[in-house]
Protein backbone atom coordinates (compact mmCIF):
# COMPACT_ATOMS: atom_id res chain seq x y z
CA MET A 1 -0.03 -0.01 -0.04
CA ASP A 2 1.34 3.46 -1.04
CA LEU A 3 0.86 5.39 2.30
CA ASP A 4 1.60 8.74 0.28
CA LYS A 5 -1.73 8.31 -1.36
CA ILE A 6 -3.51 8.20 1.97
CA TRP A 7 -3.68 11.78 3.15
CA SER A 8 -4.12 10.85 6.80
CA GLU A 9 -0.74 9.19 6.64
CA LYS A 10 0.94 11.48 4.12
CA TYR A 11 0.18 14.58 6.38
CA ARG A 12 0.68 12.78 9.66
CA PRO A 13 2.63 15.52 11.72
CA GLN A 14 6.30 15.00 12.01
CA LYS A 15 7.08 17.77 14.38
CA ILE A 16 5.53 19.77 17.17
CA GLN A 17 4.60 22.70 14.87
CA ASP A 18 2.64 20.32 12.62
CA LEU A 19 0.36 19.27 15.46
CA VAL A 20 -3.09 20.57 15.67
CA LEU A 21 -3.18 21.71 19.36
CA CYS A 22 -4.55 24.44 21.44
CA ASP A 23 -2.02 27.15 22.42
CA ASN A 24 -1.61 25.99 25.99
CA ASP A 25 -1.02 22.31 25.02
CA GLU A 26 1.48 23.25 22.52
CA ARG A 27 3.35 25.37 25.11
CA ILE A 28 3.30 22.45 27.57
CA ILE A 29 4.81 20.14 24.95
CA GLU A 30 7.41 22.69 23.93
CA ASN A 31 8.48 23.22 27.48
CA PHE A 32 9.11 19.55 27.96
CA ILE A 33 11.45 19.57 24.86
CA LYS A 34 12.97 22.78 26.08
CA ASN A 35 13.71 21.38 29.55
CA ASP A 36 14.81 18.13 28.01
CA GLU A 37 12.71 16.22 30.57
CA ILE A 38 9.11 14.85 30.99
CA PRO A 39 7.10 13.35 33.80
CA ASN A 40 5.02 10.37 33.21
CA LEU A 41 2.27 11.55 30.85
CA LEU A 42 -1.26 10.44 30.08
CA PHE A 43 -2.64 11.92 26.83
CA TYR A 44 -6.39 11.37 26.67
CA GLY A 45 -9.18 12.57 24.41
CA ASN A 46 -11.31 11.36 21.51
CA ALA A 47 -10.14 9.11 18.75
CA GLY A 48 -8.24 10.78 15.94
CA THR A 49 -7.12 13.95 17.95
CA GLY A 50 -3.37 13.13 17.76
CA LYS A 51 -2.63 11.40 21.13
CA THR A 52 -0.27 8.76 19.61
CA THR A 53 1.26 11.21 17.08
CA THR A 54 1.97 13.77 19.88
CA GLY A 55 3.71 11.08 21.95
CA LYS A 56 5.83 9.78 19.17
CA ILE A 57 6.98 13.36 18.25
CA LEU A 58 7.88 14.01 21.83
CA ILE A 59 10.10 10.91 22.12
CA SER A 60 11.76 11.83 18.88
CA ALA A 61 12.40 15.35 20.11
CA LEU A 62 13.82 14.15 23.29
CA ASP A 63 15.87 11.66 21.29
CA ALA A 64 14.95 8.91 23.77
CA GLU A 65 15.19 5.17 23.63
CA ASP A 66 11.59 3.92 23.55
CA LEU A 67 9.61 0.80 23.89
CA PHE A 68 6.30 1.12 22.13
CA LEU A 69 3.24 -1.15 22.95
CA ASN A 70 -0.43 -1.00 21.85
CA CYS A 71 -2.47 -2.31 24.66
CA ALA A 72 -5.43 -3.08 22.40
CA GLU A 73 -3.18 -5.40 20.41
CA VAL A 74 -0.84 -6.87 23.22
CA GLY A 75 -1.93 -7.43 26.82
CA ILE A 76 0.16 -5.87 29.43
CA ASP A 77 0.10 -9.22 31.39
CA ASP A 78 1.75 -10.74 28.41
CA VAL A 79 4.65 -8.41 28.14
CA ARG A 80 5.05 -7.30 31.78
CA SER A 81 8.61 -8.80 31.77
CA THR A 82 9.43 -7.04 28.51
CA ILE A 83 8.47 -3.76 30.17
CA SER A 84 10.13 -4.38 33.38
CA ASN A 85 13.47 -5.44 31.79
CA PHE A 86 13.39 -2.41 29.47
CA SER A 87 12.65 0.14 32.39
CA LYS A 88 14.78 -1.06 35.25
CA THR A 89 18.19 -0.29 33.78
CA LYS A 90 19.88 2.78 32.42
CA SER A 91 20.28 3.18 28.61
CA PHE A 92 23.79 2.02 27.47
CA ASN A 93 24.07 5.14 25.22
CA GLY A 94 22.94 7.52 28.08
CA LYS A 95 19.55 8.41 26.38
CA LYS A 96 16.46 8.77 28.26
CA LYS A 97 14.10 5.69 28.31
CA ILE A 98 10.52 6.01 27.64
CA VAL A 99 7.88 3.15 27.64
CA PHE A 100 4.88 4.26 25.39
CA LEU A 101 1.76 2.37 26.10
CA ASP A 102 -0.92 3.26 23.55
CA GLU A 103 -4.60 2.69 24.43
CA ILE A 104 -3.96 2.01 28.08
CA ASP A 105 -7.69 2.15 28.61
CA SER A 106 -7.83 -1.29 26.85
CA ALA A 107 -5.85 -2.92 29.77
CA SER A 108 -7.74 -4.62 32.48
CA PRO A 109 -7.75 -2.78 35.96
CA ASN A 110 -5.57 -5.57 37.31
CA ALA A 111 -3.11 -5.13 34.51
CA GLN A 112 -3.09 -1.41 35.18
CA ARG A 113 -2.40 -1.91 38.95
CA GLY A 114 0.51 -4.02 37.95
CA LEU A 115 1.84 -1.32 35.66
CA ARG A 116 1.68 1.19 38.45
CA ASN A 117 4.00 -0.88 40.60
CA THR A 118 6.43 -1.24 37.73
CA MET A 119 6.29 2.53 37.18
CA GLU A 120 7.26 3.16 40.96
CA GLU A 121 9.90 0.55 41.00
CA ASN A 122 11.75 1.94 37.93
CA ALA A 123 11.07 5.63 38.38
CA ALA A 124 14.74 6.43 38.46
CA TYR A 125 15.53 5.13 34.94
CA CYS A 126 12.45 5.48 32.96
CA ARG A 127 9.42 7.47 32.10
CA TYR A 128 6.11 6.52 30.74
CA ILE A 129 3.72 8.00 28.07
CA LEU A 130 0.20 6.67 28.06
CA THR A 131 -2.77 7.32 25.75
CA SER A 132 -6.51 6.82 26.29
CA ASN A 133 -9.64 7.47 24.57
CA TYR A 134 -11.75 6.93 27.65
CA ILE A 135 -9.92 8.28 30.81
CA HIS A 136 -12.53 6.93 33.16
CA ASN A 137 -11.26 3.43 32.11
CA VAL A 138 -7.89 4.28 33.53
CA ILE A 139 -7.56 3.50 37.26
CA VAL A 140 -7.19 6.65 39.45
CA PRO A 141 -3.80 5.39 41.03
CA LEU A 142 -2.38 5.30 37.57
CA GLN A 143 -3.79 8.59 36.55
CA SER A 144 -2.35 10.18 39.82
CA ARG A 145 1.14 9.04 38.71
CA CYS A 146 0.96 10.87 35.42
CA GLN A 147 0.44 14.49 34.32
CA THR A 148 -2.83 14.21 32.37
CA ILE A 149 -3.36 16.32 29.18
CA GLN A 150 -6.67 16.26 27.33
CA LEU A 151 -6.03 16.73 23.63
CA SER A 152 -8.98 18.68 22.09
CA PRO A 153 -7.86 20.48 18.89
CA PRO A 154 -9.71 23.76 18.12
CA ILE A 155 -12.11 23.40 15.29
CA ASN A 156 -10.67 26.49 13.53
CA LEU A 157 -7.21 24.89 13.40
CA ILE A 158 -8.79 21.67 12.03
CA VAL A 159 -10.51 23.74 9.30
CA LYS A 160 -7.00 25.43 8.69
CA ARG A 161 -5.24 22.09 8.47
CA ILE A 162 -7.84 20.76 6.03
CA LYS A 163 -7.58 23.82 3.80
CA TYR A 164 -3.82 23.47 3.81
CA ILE A 165 -4.07 19.86 2.59
CA LEU A 166 -6.58 20.77 -0.15
CA GLU A 167 -4.22 23.52 -1.41
CA ASN A 168 -1.23 21.33 -1.27
CA GLU A 169 -3.08 18.62 -3.31
CA ASN A 170 -4.19 21.24 -5.75
CA VAL A 171 -7.89 20.52 -5.08
CA SER A 172 -10.41 23.07 -6.51
CA ILE A 173 -13.39 24.05 -4.25
CA ASP A 174 -16.27 26.24 -5.09
CA PHE A 175 -18.14 28.43 -2.64
CA GLU A 176 -20.87 25.88 -2.00
CA ASN A 177 -18.39 23.23 -1.10
CA LYS A 178 -16.53 25.54 1.06
CA THR A 179 -19.76 25.87 3.26
CA LYS A 180 -20.31 22.13 2.98
CA LEU A 181 -16.62 21.59 4.27
CA VAL A 182 -17.20 23.43 7.37
CA LEU A 183 -20.38 21.49 8.14
CA LEU A 184 -18.69 18.21 7.44
CA ILE A 185 -15.83 19.12 9.74
CA LYS A 186 -18.33 20.10 12.51
CA LYS A 187 -20.14 16.79 12.03
CA ILE A 188 -17.00 14.70 12.54
CA PHE A 189 -15.19 17.14 15.04
CA PRO A 190 -12.86 16.45 16.94
CA ASP A 191 -11.77 13.40 14.93
CA ILE A 192 -8.98 14.89 12.67
CA ARG A 193 -7.99 11.69 11.22
CA LYS A 194 -11.49 10.72 10.15
CA THR A 195 -11.97 14.24 8.79
CA ILE A 196 -8.97 14.02 6.45
CA ASN A 197 -10.26 10.52 5.34
CA GLU A 198 -13.68 11.76 4.54
CA VAL A 199 -12.40 14.91 2.66
CA GLN A 200 -10.13 12.87 0.55
CA LYS A 201 -13.09 10.47 -0.36
CA TYR A 202 -14.89 13.45 -1.63
CA CYS A 203 -12.19 14.78 -3.93
CA ILE A 204 -12.89 13.47 -7.30
CA ASP A 205 -10.53 14.41 -10.27
CA GLY A 206 -9.02 17.15 -8.40
CA ILE A 207 -12.38 18.81 -7.47
CA LEU A 208 -13.93 18.74 -3.84
CA GLN A 209 -17.56 17.46 -4.23
CA ILE A 210 -19.20 17.12 -0.89
CA PRO A 211 -22.78 15.48 -0.82
CA ASP A 212 -25.43 17.38 1.15
CA VAL A 213 -24.39 16.94 4.82
CA THR A 214 -27.70 18.36 6.08
CA LYS A 215 -29.27 15.28 4.77
CA VAL A 216 -28.43 13.64 7.98
CA ASP A 217 -29.93 16.45 9.95
CA LYS A 218 -33.19 16.06 8.13
CA PHE A 219 -33.07 12.37 8.72
CA VAL A 220 -32.58 12.79 12.51
CA ASP A 221 -35.55 15.21 12.64
CA LYS A 222 -37.86 12.59 11.38
CA ILE A 223 -36.39 10.25 13.81
CA VAL A 224 -37.20 12.51 16.61
CA ASP A 225 -40.56 13.08 15.26
CA LEU A 226 -41.25 9.31 15.24
CA LEU A 227 -39.77 8.86 18.64
CA LEU A 228 -42.06 11.50 20.20
CA ALA A 229 -45.09 9.83 18.39
CA ASN A 230 -44.18 6.52 19.93
CA LYS A 231 -43.98 4.89 16.51
CA ILE A 232 -41.21 2.45 17.42
CA SER A 233 -41.83 -0.29 14.82
CA GLU A 234 -42.08 2.37 12.08
CA LEU A 235 -38.92 4.12 13.33
CA ARG A 236 -36.53 0.97 12.98
CA ARG A 237 -38.13 0.18 9.54
CA TYR A 238 -37.53 4.02 8.62
CA ILE A 239 -33.76 3.64 9.67
CA ILE A 240 -32.97 0.47 7.96
CA GLU A 241 -34.70 1.57 4.59
CA ASN A 242 -32.87 4.86 4.57
CA ASP A 243 -29.37 4.00 6.05
CA ASP A 244 -27.92 5.58 2.81
CA ASN A 245 -28.63 9.02 4.43
CA PHE A 246 -25.86 8.40 7.00
CA LYS A 247 -23.82 5.64 5.16
CA GLY A 248 -24.42 3.14 7.82
CA ASP A 249 -22.22 5.24 10.37
CA TYR A 250 -24.11 5.08 13.43
CA ASN A 251 -21.62 7.21 15.25
CA ILE A 252 -22.41 10.06 13.04
CA LEU A 253 -26.13 9.40 13.49
CA MET A 254 -25.69 9.59 17.31
CA LYS A 255 -23.60 12.84 17.11
CA SER A 256 -26.32 14.42 14.86
CA LEU A 257 -28.94 13.39 17.31
CA PHE A 258 -26.89 14.75 20.13
CA ASP A 259 -26.50 18.18 18.31
CA THR A 260 -30.31 18.14 17.26
CA ILE A 261 -31.43 17.78 20.81
CA CYS A 262 -28.74 20.40 22.22
CA ASP A 263 -30.08 22.95 19.54
CA ASP A 264 -33.76 22.17 20.13
CA PRO A 265 -35.58 25.05 21.89
CA LYS A 266 -38.98 23.70 22.59
CA THR A 267 -39.73 20.18 21.50
CA LEU A 268 -38.56 18.59 24.98
CA SER A 269 -38.91 19.91 28.41
CA GLU A 270 -35.68 20.79 30.24
CA PHE A 271 -35.69 17.69 32.18
CA GLN A 272 -36.37 15.45 29.10
CA LYS A 273 -33.58 17.30 27.19
CA LYS A 274 -31.08 16.69 29.95
CA MET A 275 -31.89 13.11 30.27
CA TRP A 276 -31.97 12.46 26.49
CA LEU A 277 -28.47 14.16 26.29
CA ILE A 278 -27.12 11.95 29.08
CA THR A 279 -28.48 8.79 27.56
CA ILE A 280 -27.15 9.63 24.09
CA GLY A 281 -23.64 10.25 25.62
CA GLU A 282 -23.74 6.90 27.36
CA TYR A 283 -24.65 4.87 24.16
CA MET A 284 -21.94 6.90 22.24
CA TYR A 285 -19.53 5.51 24.75
CA ARG A 286 -20.97 2.03 24.54
CA SER A 287 -20.53 2.17 20.75
CA ALA A 288 -16.69 1.83 21.18
CA PHE A 289 -17.18 -1.78 22.51
CA VAL A 290 -20.40 -3.09 20.78
CA ILE A 291 -20.32 -5.54 17.92
CA ASP A 292 -23.54 -4.54 16.23
CA HIS A 293 -23.93 -0.71 15.83
CA GLU A 294 -27.37 -0.87 14.57
CA ILE A 295 -28.71 -2.87 17.58
CA ASN A 296 -26.85 -0.46 19.94
CA PHE A 297 -28.61 2.54 18.14
CA TYR A 298 -31.90 0.95 18.28
CA CYS A 299 -31.56 0.24 22.02
CA LEU A 300 -30.71 3.94 22.46
CA LEU A 301 -33.91 4.88 20.73
CA LEU A 302 -35.86 2.47 23.02
CA ALA A 303 -34.03 4.12 26.07
CA LEU A 304 -35.02 7.60 24.91
CA ASN A 305 -38.61 6.58 24.35
CA ALA A 306 -38.81 5.35 27.82
CA ILE A 307 -37.73 8.64 29.50
CA GLU A 308 -40.98 10.18 30.69
CA ASP A 309 -41.26 13.89 31.59
CA LYS A 310 -41.58 15.25 35.23
């Protein structure tokens, strides 16, 4: 596979200045490099916000010797001895040593407790960089041994980054598609990687041609109407028959539903609105673990339908 043809890889940041970070986060990272030292770090935030890339760039800038492991692919318990052997001795060439554990929230609480002990035992020789999509899945004792940094790239910088890529790829974009581009970015925000992939998908023969992204909003409005009318059977049939409106991406559908309820001024009472938003948030979290996203979304709709006003 030619990675240069995949924009999310071709334009993966290689230095701090390339990262899409808020000013404060950028200053923190730059100070680590300036001081040539880091504490144990835990980068957390939504998928596609640059956690792994930020950690790798930081290791490179510090010229450190590192051990990289993805906890979603390799269990910590299986490589505990590897981590311990790497971290308990000084580097032969005098470099700093860093253990980089990606997606630490995939590790079991017991595995995380074991890691906490390893971190304490080898603190003199090694630092740790951890990343997590869901910080509440990281045990508090492990969080307390790290400086936690939430990566949440400002949407204006994501827009700027996408425009830079389009210009660099000599992609033409008319006024209508400029408006659609901003709407598309808002829909996918804050996932930068997915945004880049979606934009590339809509570039055809050097021209950006984004479909009507408001189509999903209209689709969601109909879903809300059917929910409030208690037409549950009709609702599921409507979603299945019209899944081309959201390309089968139930995460985008839930995000659009969340935004619709947030912006709704009168359809729901304040109590219902609050409970709907909390429930949607819970099911968005569950979507990271479920096998069948259609069933998960339908269960969400049943849960919303069961919420009564006070």
